[in-house]
Every structure is written in C-alpha cells, then in structure tokens.
PDB file of N, CA and C in Angstrom:
ATOM      1  N   UNK A   1     -48.327  12.019  14.971  1.00  0.00           N
ATOM      2  CA  UNK A   1     -47.837  10.701  15.247  1.00  0.00           C
ATOM      3  C   UNK A   1     -46.601  10.750  16.120  1.00  0.00           C
ATOM      4  N   UNK A   2     -45.836  11.732  16.101  1.00  0.00           N
ATOM      5  CA  UNK A   2     -44.600  11.789  16.864  1.00  0.00           C
ATOM      6  C   UNK A   2     -43.491  12.309  15.982  1.00  0.00           C
ATOM      7  N   UNK A   3     -42.449  12.725  16.617  1.00  0.00           N
ATOM      8  CA  UNK A   3     -41.343  13.268  15.848  1.00  0.00           C
ATOM      9  C   UNK A   3     -40.314  12.171  15.577  1.00  0.00           C
ATOM     10  N   UNK A   4     -39.684  12.284  14.428  1.00  0.00           N
ATOM     11  CA  UNK A   4     -38.670  11.306  14.055  1.00  0.00           C
ATOM     12  C   UNK A   4     -37.308  11.701  14.589  1.00  0.00           C
ATOM     13  N   UNK A   5     -36.364  10.828  14.409  1.00  0.00           N
ATOM     14  CA  UNK A   5     -35.015  11.076  14.880  1.00  0.00           C
ATOM     15  C   UNK A   5     -34.466  12.308  14.175  1.00  0.00           C
ATOM     16  N   UNK A   6     -33.812  13.191  14.881  1.00  0.00           N
ATOM     17  CA  UNK A   6     -33.283  14.412  14.306  1.00  0.00           C
ATOM     18  C   UNK A   6     -34.245  15.569  14.434  1.00  0.00           C
ATOM     19  N   UNK A   7     -35.469  15.330  14.853  1.00  0.00           N
ATOM     20  CA  UNK A   7     -36.453  16.389  15.009  1.00  0.00           C
ATOM     21  C   UNK A   7     -36.989  16.414  16.439  1.00  0.00           C
ATOM     22  N   UNK A   8     -36.257  15.845  17.354  1.00  0.00           N
ATOM     23  CA  UNK A   8     -36.728  15.749  18.724  1.00  0.00           C
ATOM     24  C   UNK A   8     -36.550  17.060  19.481  1.00  0.00           C
ATOM     25  N   UNK A   9     -35.640  17.896  19.053  1.00  0.00           N
ATOM     26  CA  UNK A   9     -35.356  19.123  19.771  1.00  0.00           C
ATOM     27  C   UNK A   9     -35.262  20.253  18.776  1.00  0.00           C
ATOM     28  N   UNK A  10     -35.855  21.369  19.093  1.00  0.00           N
ATOM     29  CA  UNK A  10     -35.818  22.511  18.183  1.00  0.00           C
ATOM     30  C   UNK A  10     -34.731  23.462  18.643  1.00  0.00           C
ATOM     31  N   UNK A  11     -33.733  23.655  17.782  1.00  0.00           N
ATOM     32  CA  UNK A  11     -32.632  24.549  18.103  1.00  0.00           C
ATOM     33  C   UNK A  11     -32.858  25.868  17.394  1.00  0.00           C
ATOM     34  N   UNK A  12     -32.584  26.949  18.064  1.00  0.00           N
ATOM     35  CA  UNK A  12     -32.764  28.268  17.473  1.00  0.00           C
ATOM     36  C   UNK A  12     -31.410  28.827  17.051  1.00  0.00           C
ATOM     37  N   UNK A  13     -31.412  29.541  15.934  1.00  0.00           N
ATOM     38  CA  UNK A  13     -30.206  30.180  15.459  1.00  0.00           C
ATOM     39  C   UNK A  13     -29.345  29.304  14.573  1.00  0.00           C
ATOM     40  N   UNK A  14     -29.733  28.078  14.328  1.00  0.00           N
ATOM     41  CA  UNK A  14     -28.981  27.182  13.456  1.00  0.00           C
ATOM     42  C   UNK A  14     -29.853  26.884  12.258  1.00  0.00           C
ATOM     43  N   UNK A  15     -29.322  27.162  11.084  1.00  0.00           N
ATOM     44  CA  UNK A  15     -30.064  26.945   9.847  1.00  0.00           C
ATOM     45  C   UNK A  15     -29.438  25.761   9.128  1.00  0.00           C
ATOM     46  N   UNK A  16     -30.235  24.812   8.765  1.00  0.00           N
ATOM     47  CA  UNK A  16     -29.748  23.663   8.008  1.00  0.00           C
ATOM     48  C   UNK A  16     -30.493  23.583   6.694  1.00  0.00           C
ATOM     49  N   UNK A  17     -29.783  23.182   5.683  1.00  0.00           N
ATOM     50  CA  UNK A  17     -30.374  22.995   4.368  1.00  0.00           C
ATOM     51  C   UNK A  17     -30.225  21.534   3.999  1.00  0.00           C
ATOM     52  N   UNK A  18     -31.263  20.984   3.437  1.00  0.00           N
ATOM     53  CA  UNK A  18     -31.257  19.576   3.080  1.00  0.00           C
ATOM     54  C   UNK A  18     -31.641  19.457   1.615  1.00  0.00           C
ATOM     55  N   UNK A  19     -30.891  18.625   0.913  1.00  0.00           N
ATOM     56  CA  UNK A  19     -31.197  18.338  -0.479  1.00  0.00           C
ATOM     57  C   UNK A  19     -31.587  16.869  -0.575  1.00  0.00           C
ATOM     58  N   UNK A  20     -32.693  16.620  -1.173  1.00  0.00           N
ATOM     59  CA  UNK A  20     -33.180  15.258  -1.298  1.00  0.00           C
ATOM     60  C   UNK A  20     -32.190  14.413  -2.105  1.00  0.00           C
ATOM     61  N   UNK A  21     -32.004  13.144  -1.736  1.00  0.00           N
ATOM     62  CA  UNK A  21     -31.118  12.287  -2.529  1.00  0.00           C
ATOM     63  C   UNK A  21     -31.590  12.133  -3.960  1.00  0.00           C
ATOM     64  N   UNK A  22     -32.862  12.327  -4.196  1.00  0.00           N
ATOM     65  CA  UNK A  22     -33.390  12.193  -5.549  1.00  0.00           C
ATOM     66  C   UNK A  22     -33.087  13.424  -6.390  1.00  0.00           C
ATOM     67  N   UNK A  23     -32.704  14.517  -5.751  1.00  0.00           N
ATOM     68  CA  UNK A  23     -32.385  15.734  -6.478  1.00  0.00           C
ATOM     69  C   UNK A  23     -30.891  15.878  -6.720  1.00  0.00           C
ATOM     70  N   UNK A  24     -30.095  15.056  -6.103  1.00  0.00           N
ATOM     71  CA  UNK A  24     -28.651  15.158  -6.276  1.00  0.00           C
ATOM     72  C   UNK A  24     -28.233  14.510  -7.579  1.00  0.00           C
ATOM     73  N   UNK A  25     -27.159  15.008  -8.138  1.00  0.00           N
ATOM     74  CA  UNK A  25     -26.577  14.408  -9.339  1.00  0.00           C
ATOM     75  C   UNK A  25     -25.317  13.678  -8.899  1.00  0.00           C
ATOM     76  N   UNK A  26     -25.414  12.383  -8.768  1.00  0.00           N
ATOM     77  CA  UNK A  26     -24.328  11.594  -8.196  1.00  0.00           C
ATOM     78  C   UNK A  26     -23.063  11.635  -9.048  1.00  0.00           C
ATOM     79  N   UNK A  27     -23.193  11.654 -10.349  1.00  0.00           N
ATOM     80  CA  UNK A  27     -22.030  11.619 -11.232  1.00  0.00           C
ATOM     81  C   UNK A  27     -21.815  12.943 -11.940  1.00  0.00           C
ATOM     82  N   UNK A  28     -22.218  14.035 -11.324  1.00  0.00           N
ATOM     83  CA  UNK A  28     -22.033  15.350 -11.931  1.00  0.00           C
ATOM     84  C   UNK A  28     -20.545  15.655 -12.023  1.00  0.00           C
ATOM     85  N   UNK A  29     -20.054  15.877 -13.228  1.00  0.00           N
ATOM     86  CA  UNK A  29     -18.652  16.216 -13.433  1.00  0.00           C
ATOM     87  C   UNK A  29     -17.703  15.048 -13.320  1.00  0.00           C
ATOM     88  N   UNK A  30     -18.187  13.826 -13.340  1.00  0.00           N
ATOM     89  CA  UNK A  30     -17.309  12.661 -13.180  1.00  0.00           C
ATOM     90  C   UNK A  30     -16.314  12.554 -14.330  1.00  0.00           C
ATOM     91  N   UNK A  31     -16.753  12.822 -15.535  1.00  0.00           N
ATOM     92  CA  UNK A  31     -15.859  12.733 -16.695  1.00  0.00           C
ATOM     93  C   UNK A  31     -15.012  14.000 -16.791  1.00  0.00           C
ATOM     94  N   UNK A  32     -15.660  15.141 -16.668  1.00  0.00           N
ATOM     95  CA  UNK A  32     -14.973  16.418 -16.845  1.00  0.00           C
ATOM     96  C   UNK A  32     -13.930  16.667 -15.763  1.00  0.00           C
ATOM     97  N   UNK A  33     -14.251  16.371 -14.532  1.00  0.00           N
ATOM     98  CA  UNK A  33     -13.333  16.628 -13.424  1.00  0.00           C
ATOM     99  C   UNK A  33     -12.630  15.371 -12.936  1.00  0.00           C
ATOM    100  N   UNK A  34     -13.256  14.226 -13.073  1.00  0.00           N
ATOM    101  CA  UNK A  34     -12.711  12.990 -12.502  1.00  0.00           C
ATOM    102  C   UNK A  34     -11.494  12.467 -13.228  1.00  0.00           C
ATOM    103  N   UNK A  35     -11.550  12.394 -14.548  1.00  0.00           N
ATOM    104  CA  UNK A  35     -10.444  11.846 -15.336  1.00  0.00           C
ATOM    105  C   UNK A  35      -9.181  12.704 -15.187  1.00  0.00           C
ATOM    106  N   UNK A  36      -9.271  14.031 -15.349  1.00  0.00           N
ATOM    107  CA  UNK A  36      -8.051  14.824 -15.123  1.00  0.00           C
ATOM    108  C   UNK A  36      -7.524  14.710 -13.696  1.00  0.00           C
ATOM    109  N   UNK A  37      -8.403  14.553 -12.734  1.00  0.00           N
ATOM    110  CA  UNK A  37      -7.969  14.411 -11.345  1.00  0.00           C
ATOM    111  C   UNK A  37      -7.213  13.095 -11.156  1.00  0.00           C
ATOM    112  N   UNK A  38      -7.682  12.028 -11.781  1.00  0.00           N
ATOM    113  CA  UNK A  38      -6.992  10.738 -11.705  1.00  0.00           C
ATOM    114  C   UNK A  38      -5.613  10.846 -12.342  1.00  0.00           C
ATOM    115  N   UNK A  39      -5.526  11.521 -13.488  1.00  0.00           N
ATOM    116  CA  UNK A  39      -4.232  11.681 -14.170  1.00  0.00           C
ATOM    117  C   UNK A  39      -3.279  12.500 -13.301  1.00  0.00           C
ATOM    118  N   UNK A  40      -3.765  13.574 -12.718  1.00  0.00           N
ATOM    119  CA  UNK A  40      -2.930  14.423 -11.873  1.00  0.00           C
ATOM    120  C   UNK A  40      -2.427  13.655 -10.655  1.00  0.00           C
ATOM    121  N   UNK A  41      -3.302  12.931  -9.997  1.00  0.00           N
ATOM    122  CA  UNK A  41      -2.901  12.183  -8.805  1.00  0.00           C
ATOM    123  C   UNK A  41      -1.911  11.074  -9.148  1.00  0.00           C
ATOM    124  N   UNK A  42      -2.099  10.438 -10.294  1.00  0.00           N
ATOM    125  CA  UNK A  42      -1.172   9.390 -10.714  1.00  0.00           C
ATOM    126  C   UNK A  42       0.200   9.973 -11.002  1.00  0.00           C
ATOM    127  N   UNK A  43       0.229  11.119 -11.702  1.00  0.00           N
ATOM    128  CA  UNK A  43       1.502  11.770 -11.984  1.00  0.00           C
ATOM    129  C   UNK A  43       2.225  12.185 -10.712  1.00  0.00           C
ATOM    130  N   UNK A  44       1.479  12.648  -9.721  1.00  0.00           N
ATOM    131  CA  UNK A  44       2.098  13.088  -8.478  1.00  0.00           C
ATOM    132  C   UNK A  44       2.660  11.916  -7.660  1.00  0.00           C
ATOM    133  N   UNK A  45       2.032  10.758  -7.752  1.00  0.00           N
ATOM    134  CA  UNK A  45       2.442   9.654  -6.895  1.00  0.00           C
ATOM    135  C   UNK A  45       3.208   8.552  -7.626  1.00  0.00           C
ATOM    136  N   UNK A  46       3.522   8.755  -8.898  1.00  0.00           N
ATOM    137  CA  UNK A  46       4.182   7.693  -9.672  1.00  0.00           C
ATOM    138  C   UNK A  46       5.558   7.359  -9.093  1.00  0.00           C
ATOM    139  N   UNK A  47       6.266   8.357  -8.538  1.00  0.00           N
ATOM    140  CA  UNK A  47       7.601   8.107  -8.018  1.00  0.00           C
ATOM    141  C   UNK A  47       7.579   7.433  -6.653  1.00  0.00           C
ATOM    142  N   UNK A  48       6.412   7.318  -6.047  1.00  0.00           N
ATOM    143  CA  UNK A  48       6.308   6.616  -4.773  1.00  0.00           C
ATOM    144  C   UNK A  48       6.043   5.123  -4.964  1.00  0.00           C
ATOM    145  N   UNK A  49       5.252   4.776  -5.972  1.00  0.00           N
ATOM    146  CA  UNK A  49       4.917   3.362  -6.109  1.00  0.00           C
ATOM    147  C   UNK A  49       5.608   2.677  -7.275  1.00  0.00           C
ATOM    148  N   UNK A  50       6.136   3.408  -8.250  1.00  0.00           N
ATOM    149  CA  UNK A  50       6.772   2.766  -9.403  1.00  0.00           C
ATOM    150  C   UNK A  50       8.123   2.125  -9.067  1.00  0.00           C
ATOM    151  N   UNK A  51       9.045   2.795  -8.375  1.00  0.00           N
ATOM    152  CA  UNK A  51      10.339   2.138  -8.106  1.00  0.00           C
ATOM    153  C   UNK A  51      10.218   0.837  -7.314  1.00  0.00           C
ATOM    154  N   UNK A  52       9.459   0.786  -6.210  1.00  0.00           N
ATOM    155  CA  UNK A  52       9.346  -0.506  -5.530  1.00  0.00           C
ATOM    156  C   UNK A  52       8.680  -1.566  -6.394  1.00  0.00           C
ATOM    157  N   UNK A  53       7.730  -1.155  -7.217  1.00  0.00           N
ATOM    158  CA  UNK A  53       7.056  -2.098  -8.104  1.00  0.00           C
ATOM    159  C   UNK A  53       8.038  -2.674  -9.122  1.00  0.00           C
ATOM    160  N   UNK A  54       8.858  -1.817  -9.719  1.00  0.00           N
ATOM    161  CA  UNK A  54       9.843  -2.286 -10.703  1.00  0.00           C
ATOM    162  C   UNK A  54      10.916  -3.149 -10.055  1.00  0.00           C
ATOM    163  N   UNK A  55      11.395  -2.739  -8.891  1.00  0.00           N
ATOM    164  CA  UNK A  55      12.400  -3.537  -8.190  1.00  0.00           C
ATOM    165  C   UNK A  55      11.831  -4.909  -7.833  1.00  0.00           C
ATOM    166  N   UNK A  56      10.606  -4.929  -7.350  1.00  0.00           N
ATOM    167  CA  UNK A  56       9.962  -6.202  -7.015  1.00  0.00           C
ATOM    168  C   UNK A  56       9.806  -7.095  -8.226  1.00  0.00           C
ATOM    169  N   UNK A  57       9.430  -6.496  -9.366  1.00  0.00           N
ATOM    170  CA  UNK A  57       9.275  -7.287 -10.587  1.00  0.00           C
ATOM    171  C   UNK A  57      10.604  -7.890 -11.026  1.00  0.00           C
ATOM    172  N   UNK A  58      11.676  -7.079 -11.021  1.00  0.00           N
ATOM    173  CA  UNK A  58      12.974  -7.586 -11.461  1.00  0.00           C
ATOM    174  C   UNK A  58      13.515  -8.654 -10.514  1.00  0.00           C
ATOM    175  N   UNK A  59      13.325  -8.481  -9.227  1.00  0.00           N
ATOM    176  CA  UNK A  59      13.766  -9.510  -8.276  1.00  0.00           C
ATOM    177  C   UNK A  59      12.983 -10.795  -8.506  1.00  0.00           C
ATOM    178  N   UNK A  60      11.666 -10.696  -8.664  1.00  0.00           N
ATOM    179  CA  UNK A  60      10.840 -11.877  -8.916  1.00  0.00           C
ATOM    180  C   UNK A  60      11.275 -12.580 -10.202  1.00  0.00           C
ATOM    181  N   UNK A  61      11.536 -11.803 -11.247  1.00  0.00           N
ATOM    182  CA  UNK A  61      11.930 -12.376 -12.531  1.00  0.00           C
ATOM    183  C   UNK A  61      13.262 -13.124 -12.404  1.00  0.00           C
ATOM    184  N   UNK A  62      14.229 -12.522 -11.726  1.00  0.00           N
ATOM    185  CA  UNK A  62      15.525 -13.175 -11.563  1.00  0.00           C
ATOM    186  C   UNK A  62      15.421 -14.428 -10.700  1.00  0.00           C
ATOM    187  N   UNK A  63      14.617 -14.375  -9.664  1.00  0.00           N
ATOM    188  CA  UNK A  63      14.433 -15.548  -8.806  1.00  0.00           C
ATOM    189  C   UNK A  63      13.784 -16.684  -9.580  1.00  0.00           C
ATOM    190  N   UNK A  64      12.802 -16.386 -10.401  1.00  0.00           N
ATOM    191  CA  UNK A  64      12.146 -17.417 -11.208  1.00  0.00           C
ATOM    192  C   UNK A  64      13.111 -18.023 -12.223  1.00  0.00           C
ATOM    193  N   UNK A  65      13.949 -17.191 -12.834  1.00  0.00           N
ATOM    194  CA  UNK A  65      14.937 -17.714 -13.794  1.00  0.00           C
ATOM    195  C   UNK A  65      15.953 -18.615 -13.100  1.00  0.00           C
ATOM    196  N   UNK A  66      16.407 -18.179 -11.922  1.00  0.00           N
ATOM    197  CA  UNK A  66      17.369 -18.986 -11.172  1.00  0.00           C
ATOM    198  C   UNK A  66      16.743 -20.302 -10.718  1.00  0.00           C
ATOM    199  N   UNK A  67      15.509 -20.266 -10.307  1.00  0.00           N
ATOM    200  CA  UNK A  67      14.814 -21.486  -9.897  1.00  0.00           C
ATOM    201  C   UNK A  67      14.669 -22.446 -11.077  1.00  0.00           C
ATOM    202  N   UNK A  68      14.302 -21.929 -12.237  1.00  0.00           N
ATOM    203  CA  UNK A  68      14.180 -22.783 -13.419  1.00  0.00           C
ATOM    204  C   UNK A  68      15.541 -23.381 -13.793  1.00  0.00           C
ATOM    205  N   UNK A  69      16.608 -22.594 -13.659  1.00  0.00           N
ATOM    206  CA  UNK A  69      17.949 -23.097 -13.966  1.00  0.00           C
ATOM    207  C   UNK A  69      18.357 -24.204 -12.993  1.00  0.00           C
ATOM    208  N   UNK A  70      18.040 -24.027 -11.713  1.00  0.00           N
ATOM    209  CA  UNK A  70      18.421 -25.024 -10.721  1.00  0.00           C
ATOM    210  C   UNK A  70      17.596 -26.304 -10.819  1.00  0.00           C
ATOM    211  N   UNK A  71      16.435 -26.245 -11.385  1.00  0.00           N
ATOM    212  CA  UNK A  71      15.576 -27.414 -11.508  1.00  0.00           C
ATOM    213  C   UNK A  71      15.926 -28.282 -12.713  1.00  0.00           C
ATOM    214  N   UNK A  72      16.757 -27.763 -13.628  1.00  0.00           N
ATOM    215  CA  UNK A  72      17.162 -28.563 -14.793  1.00  0.00           C
ATOM    216  C   UNK A  72      18.163 -29.626 -14.383  1.00  0.00           C
ATOM    217  N   UNK A  73      18.097 -30.720 -15.069  1.00  0.00           N
ATOM    218  CA  UNK A  73      19.055 -31.795 -14.801  1.00  0.00           C
ATOM    219  C   UNK A  73      20.343 -31.530 -15.576  1.00  0.00           C
ATOM    220  N   UNK A  74      21.436 -31.938 -14.984  1.00  0.00           N
ATOM    221  CA  UNK A  74      22.727 -31.811 -15.636  1.00  0.00           C
ATOM    222  C   UNK A  74      22.986 -33.109 -16.399  1.00  0.00           C
ATOM    223  N   UNK A  75      23.090 -33.055 -17.729  1.00  0.00           N
ATOM    224  CA  UNK A  75      23.290 -34.295 -18.503  1.00  0.00           C
ATOM    225  C   UNK A  75      24.596 -35.024 -18.160  1.00  0.00           C
ATOM    226  N   UNK A  76      25.601 -34.325 -17.711  1.00  0.00           N
ATOM    227  CA  UNK A  76      26.883 -34.963 -17.384  1.00  0.00           C
ATOM    228  C   UNK A  76      26.766 -35.885 -16.177  1.00  0.00           C
ATOM    229  N   UNK A  77      25.785 -35.637 -15.315  1.00  0.00           N
ATOM    230  CA  UNK A  77      25.595 -36.497 -14.156  1.00  0.00           C
ATOM    231  C   UNK A  77      25.080 -37.876 -14.551  1.00  0.00           C
ATOM    232  N   UNK A  78      24.545 -38.046 -15.754  1.00  0.00           N
ATOM    233  CA  UNK A  78      23.912 -39.308 -16.163  1.00  0.00           C
ATOM    234  C   UNK A  78      24.616 -39.960 -17.342  1.00  0.00           C
ATOM    235  N   UNK A  79      25.881 -39.604 -17.642  1.00  0.00           N
ATOM    236  CA  UNK A  79      26.595 -40.165 -18.789  1.00  0.00           C
ATOM    237  C   UNK A  79      26.897 -41.651 -18.596  1.00  0.00           C
ATOM    238  N   UNK A  80      27.169 -42.093 -17.419  1.00  0.00           N
ATOM    239  CA  UNK A  80      27.573 -43.483 -17.185  1.00  0.00           C
ATOM    240  C   UNK A  80      26.402 -44.387 -16.853  1.00  0.00           C
ATOM    241  N   UNK A  81      25.200 -43.919 -16.867  1.00  0.00           N
ATOM    242  CA  UNK A  81      24.044 -44.768 -16.589  1.00  0.00           C
ATOM    243  C   UNK A  81      23.782 -45.698 -17.764  1.00  0.00           C
ATOM    244  N   UNK A  82      23.348 -46.876 -17.463  1.00  0.00           N
ATOM    245  CA  UNK A  82      23.081 -47.861 -18.514  1.00  0.00           C
ATOM    246  C   UNK A  82      21.616 -47.903 -18.851  1.00  0.00           C
TER     247      UNK A  82
END
C-alpha cells in the first residue's frame, strides 16, 4: 500500500527501538519515587517562594485591617445630629 511517515527512507547503521504505548507502564514508580521527589523539591525551593508569600500575606492582612478601620464611622462626628 505504501510506506507511512517515518518509513520513507531506510538509514543504515542507526538502530532504533520502539516500545508500544500499550506496553508502557505510565505510573511505574509514581508512589515510590514520585512522593519523595516532591518532598525533596519542596524542601529545596521553600526558601524561594515562602518569604514572598508570607510578606504578601502580612501586607494584605494589614491593608484589609486598615481599610476596615477607615470605613468605620466615628460616633463623635454625629453627636449633635437631631
């Protein structure tokens, strides 16, 4: 019928091995190797993302508190109202 893509030219001296997608184990070692790898990477990078995250949280918290304080009415401003 014809050759498919990737089989149009025969190269000599190059050996390729192909494993069918149905024979691969997609999640091989995901628990055994994946979880410790996530923990290791998190430990290594915690000092890069934690300080800006904490600083941002504290600034946001203080800004929200100040905004809530400024939005309150001062009762002394309304003492003489009838």
